[in-house]
Amino acid sequence: VAAAVCDLWSNEQVENVKLFGGTGPQVCLEMLHYDCQLMNTALKAGEAEILRDLLVESDAHRDPQALVLAPRSAWDIARTIITERDDYRRVLAAGRRALELIETEWRAGHLALDGREAAYLQKLKRELDTLPDSAESALELAPNYEEKARFKLYDYLG
């Protein structure tokens, strides 16, 4: 899925370690070069969409993150987001839709979840259902969490 959604590539961090093929960044850039060559060749041959679909299909059902990031799922979630009237409700709708997609694929046997993931899926659904329907109501609950969150500047400097 990451190859089909190239904006995700920038999230990778490559350590500067020595490998047989060079340093970590050199090896990573070489693989990236080959990926780009393949994509450019598919584009020139008029097969870019087929390559994209193959890349997505080979990965989308391997884990929940890939499933949600797959173009079809992302598009579905985006359609859900735009039906809501404010940012808070959009976030709730996106979360619920993502969980629905994951659960549907899992129950159909198209997505493998281990026991912990399946239990956490149900926990996330329950938690989303307990959240208030409005941002104002959610903000009223914020003081309840003030002591639980300890944000210190030195925790982020380092």
C-alpha atoms as a PDB file:
ATOM      1  CA  VAL A   1       0.000   0.000   0.000  1.00  0.00           C
ATOM      2  CA  ALA A   2       2.860   2.379   0.784  1.00  0.00           C
ATOM      3  CA  ALA A   3       4.087   2.128  -2.810  1.00  0.00           C
ATOM      4  CA  ALA A   4       0.621   3.033  -4.075  1.00  0.00           C
ATOM      5  CA  VAL A   5       0.401   5.955  -1.658  1.00  0.00           C
ATOM      6  CA  CYS A   6       3.826   7.487  -2.139  1.00  0.00           C
ATOM      7  CA  ASP A   7       3.281  10.288   0.370  1.00  0.00           C
ATOM      8  CA  LEU A   8       3.742   7.637   3.059  1.00  0.00           C
ATOM      9  CA  TRP A   9       7.353   7.017   2.068  1.00  0.00           C
ATOM     10  CA  SER A  10       8.593  10.094   3.897  1.00  0.00           C
ATOM     11  CA  ASN A  11       7.593   8.500   7.206  1.00  0.00           C
ATOM     12  CA  GLU A  12      10.451   6.011   7.082  1.00  0.00           C
ATOM     13  CA  GLN A  13      13.621   6.482   9.074  1.00  0.00           C
ATOM     14  CA  VAL A  14      16.724   4.623   7.916  1.00  0.00           C
ATOM     15  CA  GLU A  15      19.611   4.187  10.308  1.00  0.00           C
ATOM     16  CA  ASN A  16      23.074   4.940   9.027  1.00  0.00           C
ATOM     17  CA  VAL A  17      24.442   1.421   9.510  1.00  0.00           C
ATOM     18  CA  LYS A  18      26.880  -0.482   7.334  1.00  0.00           C
ATOM     19  CA  LEU A  19      25.286  -3.177   5.187  1.00  0.00           C
ATOM     20  CA  PHE A  20      26.720  -5.395   2.441  1.00  0.00           C
ATOM     21  CA  GLY A  21      25.327  -3.062  -0.222  1.00  0.00           C
ATOM     22  CA  GLY A  22      26.550   0.148   1.433  1.00  0.00           C
ATOM     23  CA  THR A  23      25.124   2.248   4.238  1.00  0.00           C
ATOM     24  CA  GLY A  24      21.487   1.948   5.266  1.00  0.00           C
ATOM     25  CA  PRO A  25      20.457   5.154   3.456  1.00  0.00           C
ATOM     26  CA  GLN A  26      22.337   4.115   0.296  1.00  0.00           C
ATOM     27  CA  VAL A  27      20.619   0.729   0.194  1.00  0.00           C
ATOM     28  CA  CYS A  28      17.229   2.329   0.864  1.00  0.00           C
ATOM     29  CA  LEU A  29      17.755   4.865  -1.925  1.00  0.00           C
ATOM     30  CA  GLU A  30      18.775   2.097  -4.309  1.00  0.00           C
ATOM     31  CA  MET A  31      15.537   0.222  -3.582  1.00  0.00           C
ATOM     32  CA  LEU A  32      13.594   3.461  -3.977  1.00  0.00           C
ATOM     33  CA  HIS A  33      15.319   4.015  -7.329  1.00  0.00           C
ATOM     34  CA  TYR A  34      14.191   0.584  -8.558  1.00  0.00           C
ATOM     35  CA  ASP A  35      10.647   1.212  -7.323  1.00  0.00           C
ATOM     36  CA  CYS A  36      10.558   4.538  -9.164  1.00  0.00           C
ATOM     37  CA  GLN A  37      11.905   2.916 -12.334  1.00  0.00           C
ATOM     38  CA  LEU A  38       9.153   0.304 -12.166  1.00  0.00           C
ATOM     39  CA  MET A  39       6.479   2.949 -11.620  1.00  0.00           C
ATOM     40  CA  ASN A  40       7.786   5.139 -14.449  1.00  0.00           C
ATOM     41  CA  THR A  41       7.896   2.131 -16.780  1.00  0.00           C
ATOM     42  CA  ALA A  42       4.311   1.220 -15.864  1.00  0.00           C
ATOM     43  CA  LEU A  43       3.282   4.821 -16.517  1.00  0.00           C
ATOM     44  CA  LYS A  44       4.952   4.866 -19.945  1.00  0.00           C
ATOM     45  CA  ALA A  45       3.357   1.526 -20.827  1.00  0.00           C
ATOM     46  CA  GLY A  46      -0.090   2.774 -19.813  1.00  0.00           C
ATOM     47  CA  GLU A  47      -0.251   0.226 -16.985  1.00  0.00           C
ATOM     48  CA  ALA A  48       0.088   2.537 -13.972  1.00  0.00           C
ATOM     49  CA  GLU A  49      -3.360   1.733 -12.588  1.00  0.00           C
ATOM     50  CA  ILE A  50      -2.762  -2.001 -12.932  1.00  0.00           C
ATOM     51  CA  LEU A  51       0.545  -1.701 -11.059  1.00  0.00           C
ATOM     52  CA  ARG A  52      -1.127   0.412  -8.371  1.00  0.00           C
ATOM     53  CA  ASP A  53      -3.938  -2.108  -7.976  1.00  0.00           C
ATOM     54  CA  LEU A  54      -1.493  -5.025  -7.765  1.00  0.00           C
ATOM     55  CA  LEU A  55       0.587  -3.233  -5.137  1.00  0.00           C
ATOM     56  CA  VAL A  56      -2.511  -2.486  -3.073  1.00  0.00           C
ATOM     57  CA  GLU A  57      -4.037  -5.946  -3.462  1.00  0.00           C
ATOM     58  CA  SER A  58      -0.788  -7.637  -2.453  1.00  0.00           C
ATOM     59  CA  ASP A  59      -0.755  -5.741   0.835  1.00  0.00           C
ATOM     60  CA  ALA A  60      -4.159  -4.325   1.800  1.00  0.00           C
ATOM     61  CA  HIS A  61      -5.367  -7.401   3.653  1.00  0.00           C
ATOM     62  CA  ARG A  62      -2.173  -8.126   5.567  1.00  0.00           C
ATOM     63  CA  ASP A  63      -2.892  -5.721   8.417  1.00  0.00           C
ATOM     64  CA  PRO A  64      -5.519  -3.178   9.495  1.00  0.00           C
ATOM     65  CA  GLN A  65      -3.281  -0.180   8.822  1.00  0.00           C
ATOM     66  CA  ALA A  66      -2.734  -1.197   5.201  1.00  0.00           C
ATOM     67  CA  LEU A  67      -6.457  -1.845   4.777  1.00  0.00           C
ATOM     68  CA  VAL A  68      -7.396   1.634   6.022  1.00  0.00           C
ATOM     69  CA  LEU A  69      -4.702   3.323   3.909  1.00  0.00           C
ATOM     70  CA  ALA A  70      -5.654   1.441   0.735  1.00  0.00           C
ATOM     71  CA  PRO A  71      -7.125   3.895  -1.793  1.00  0.00           C
ATOM     72  CA  ARG A  72     -10.602   2.308  -1.811  1.00  0.00           C
ATOM     73  CA  SER A  73     -10.846   2.453   1.986  1.00  0.00           C
ATOM     74  CA  ALA A  74      -9.369   5.942   2.213  1.00  0.00           C
ATOM     75  CA  TRP A  75     -11.889   7.139  -0.374  1.00  0.00           C
ATOM     76  CA  ASP A  76     -14.728   5.487   1.539  1.00  0.00           C
ATOM     77  CA  ILE A  77     -13.622   7.100   4.807  1.00  0.00           C
ATOM     78  CA  ALA A  78     -13.267  10.488   3.074  1.00  0.00           C
ATOM     79  CA  ARG A  79     -16.853  10.243   1.776  1.00  0.00           C
ATOM     80  CA  THR A  80     -17.972   9.565   5.341  1.00  0.00           C
ATOM     81  CA  ILE A  81     -16.011  12.542   6.669  1.00  0.00           C
ATOM     82  CA  ILE A  82     -17.620  15.072   4.341  1.00  0.00           C
ATOM     83  CA  THR A  83     -21.124  14.123   5.458  1.00  0.00           C
ATOM     84  CA  GLU A  84     -20.512  15.578   8.927  1.00  0.00           C
ATOM     85  CA  ARG A  85     -21.014  19.202   9.922  1.00  0.00           C
ATOM     86  CA  ASP A  86     -17.954  19.889  12.109  1.00  0.00           C
ATOM     87  CA  ASP A  87     -14.401  18.670  12.676  1.00  0.00           C
ATOM     88  CA  TYR A  88     -15.139  16.756  15.871  1.00  0.00           C
ATOM     89  CA  ARG A  89     -17.985  14.786  14.302  1.00  0.00           C
ATOM     90  CA  ARG A  90     -15.814  14.173  11.223  1.00  0.00           C
ATOM     91  CA  VAL A  91     -13.159  12.561  13.412  1.00  0.00           C
ATOM     92  CA  LEU A  92     -15.751  10.349  15.095  1.00  0.00           C
ATOM     93  CA  ALA A  93     -17.245   9.360  11.740  1.00  0.00           C
ATOM     94  CA  ALA A  94     -13.820   8.563  10.275  1.00  0.00           C
ATOM     95  CA  GLY A  95     -12.915   6.408  13.258  1.00  0.00           C
ATOM     96  CA  ARG A  96     -16.201   4.536  13.169  1.00  0.00           C
ATOM     97  CA  ARG A  97     -15.997   3.945   9.419  1.00  0.00           C
ATOM     98  CA  ALA A  98     -12.397   2.725   9.642  1.00  0.00           C
ATOM     99  CA  LEU A  99     -13.370   0.273  12.376  1.00  0.00           C
ATOM    100  CA  GLU A 100     -16.377  -0.901  10.329  1.00  0.00           C
ATOM    101  CA  LEU A 101     -14.142  -1.573   7.327  1.00  0.00           C
ATOM    102  CA  ILE A 102     -11.641  -3.488   9.447  1.00  0.00           C
ATOM    103  CA  GLU A 103     -14.332  -5.553  11.169  1.00  0.00           C
ATOM    104  CA  THR A 104     -16.140  -6.336   7.905  1.00  0.00           C
ATOM    105  CA  GLU A 105     -12.971  -7.607   6.233  1.00  0.00           C
ATOM    106  CA  TRP A 106     -11.952  -9.528   9.351  1.00  0.00           C
ATOM    107  CA  ARG A 107     -15.340 -11.247   9.783  1.00  0.00           C
ATOM    108  CA  ALA A 108     -15.378 -12.122   6.065  1.00  0.00           C
ATOM    109  CA  GLY A 109     -12.015 -13.825   6.515  1.00  0.00           C
ATOM    110  CA  HIS A 110     -10.186 -11.356   4.280  1.00  0.00           C
ATOM    111  CA  LEU A 111      -8.110  -9.788   7.063  1.00  0.00           C
ATOM    112  CA  ALA A 112      -6.184 -11.651   9.725  1.00  0.00           C
ATOM    113  CA  LEU A 113      -6.268 -10.185  13.226  1.00  0.00           C
ATOM    114  CA  ASP A 114      -4.620 -11.894  16.155  1.00  0.00           C
ATOM    115  CA  GLY A 115      -6.534 -12.232  19.415  1.00  0.00           C
ATOM    116  CA  ARG A 116      -5.178  -9.000  20.877  1.00  0.00           C
ATOM    117  CA  GLU A 117      -6.027  -7.025  17.740  1.00  0.00           C
ATOM    118  CA  ALA A 118      -9.552  -8.450  17.598  1.00  0.00           C
ATOM    119  CA  ALA A 119     -10.128  -7.600  21.267  1.00  0.00           C
ATOM    120  CA  TYR A 120      -8.728  -4.110  20.762  1.00  0.00           C
ATOM    121  CA  LEU A 121     -10.989  -3.600  17.744  1.00  0.00           C
ATOM    122  CA  GLN A 122     -14.003  -4.241  19.960  1.00  0.00           C
ATOM    123  CA  LYS A 123     -12.581  -1.991  22.692  1.00  0.00           C
ATOM    124  CA  LEU A 124     -12.081   0.855  20.209  1.00  0.00           C
ATOM    125  CA  LYS A 125     -15.668   0.495  18.987  1.00  0.00           C
ATOM    126  CA  ARG A 126     -16.973   0.660  22.567  1.00  0.00           C
ATOM    127  CA  GLU A 127     -14.794   3.679  23.372  1.00  0.00           C
ATOM    128  CA  LEU A 128     -15.950   5.556  20.272  1.00  0.00           C
ATOM    129  CA  ASP A 129     -19.551   4.871  21.249  1.00  0.00           C
ATOM    130  CA  THR A 130     -18.989   6.441  24.681  1.00  0.00           C
ATOM    131  CA  LEU A 131     -17.664   9.725  23.285  1.00  0.00           C
ATOM    132  CA  PRO A 132     -20.005  12.716  23.311  1.00  0.00           C
ATOM    133  CA  ASP A 133     -21.682  13.722  20.056  1.00  0.00           C
ATOM    134  CA  SER A 134     -20.485  17.326  20.188  1.00  0.00           C
ATOM    135  CA  ALA A 135     -17.104  18.996  20.575  1.00  0.00           C
ATOM    136  CA  GLU A 136     -18.506  21.211  23.310  1.00  0.00           C
ATOM    137  CA  SER A 137     -19.562  18.197  25.369  1.00  0.00           C
ATOM    138  CA  ALA A 138     -16.168  16.586  24.812  1.00  0.00           C
ATOM    139  CA  LEU A 139     -14.388  19.731  26.004  1.00  0.00           C
ATOM    140  CA  GLU A 140     -16.460  19.684  29.182  1.00  0.00           C
ATOM    141  CA  LEU A 141     -14.880  16.292  29.964  1.00  0.00           C
ATOM    142  CA  ALA A 142     -11.309  17.537  29.428  1.00  0.00           C
ATOM    143  CA  PRO A 143     -10.684  18.551  33.069  1.00  0.00           C
ATOM    144  CA  ASN A 144     -11.275  14.903  34.065  1.00  0.00           C
ATOM    145  CA  TYR A 145      -8.136  13.953  32.141  1.00  0.00           C
ATOM    146  CA  GLU A 146      -5.936  16.871  33.167  1.00  0.00           C
ATOM    147  CA  GLU A 147      -4.182  14.983  35.961  1.00  0.00           C
ATOM    148  CA  LYS A 148      -3.730  11.869  33.819  1.00  0.00           C
ATOM    149  CA  ALA A 149      -1.786  13.715  31.125  1.00  0.00           C
ATOM    150  CA  ARG A 150       1.590  15.039  32.158  1.00  0.00           C
ATOM    151  CA  PHE A 151       2.951  17.235  29.425  1.00  0.00           C
ATOM    152  CA  LYS A 152       6.346  18.634  30.301  1.00  0.00           C
ATOM    153  CA  LEU A 153       8.504  20.432  27.771  1.00  0.00           C
ATOM    154  CA  TYR A 154      11.608  18.489  28.789  1.00  0.00           C
ATOM    155  CA  ASP A 155       9.849  15.229  27.840  1.00  0.00           C
ATOM    156  CA  TYR A 156       9.868  16.374  24.219  1.00  0.00           C
ATOM    157  CA  LEU A 157      13.381  17.800  24.087  1.00  0.00           C
ATOM    158  CA  GLY A 158      16.078  15.491  23.895  1.00  0.00           C
END
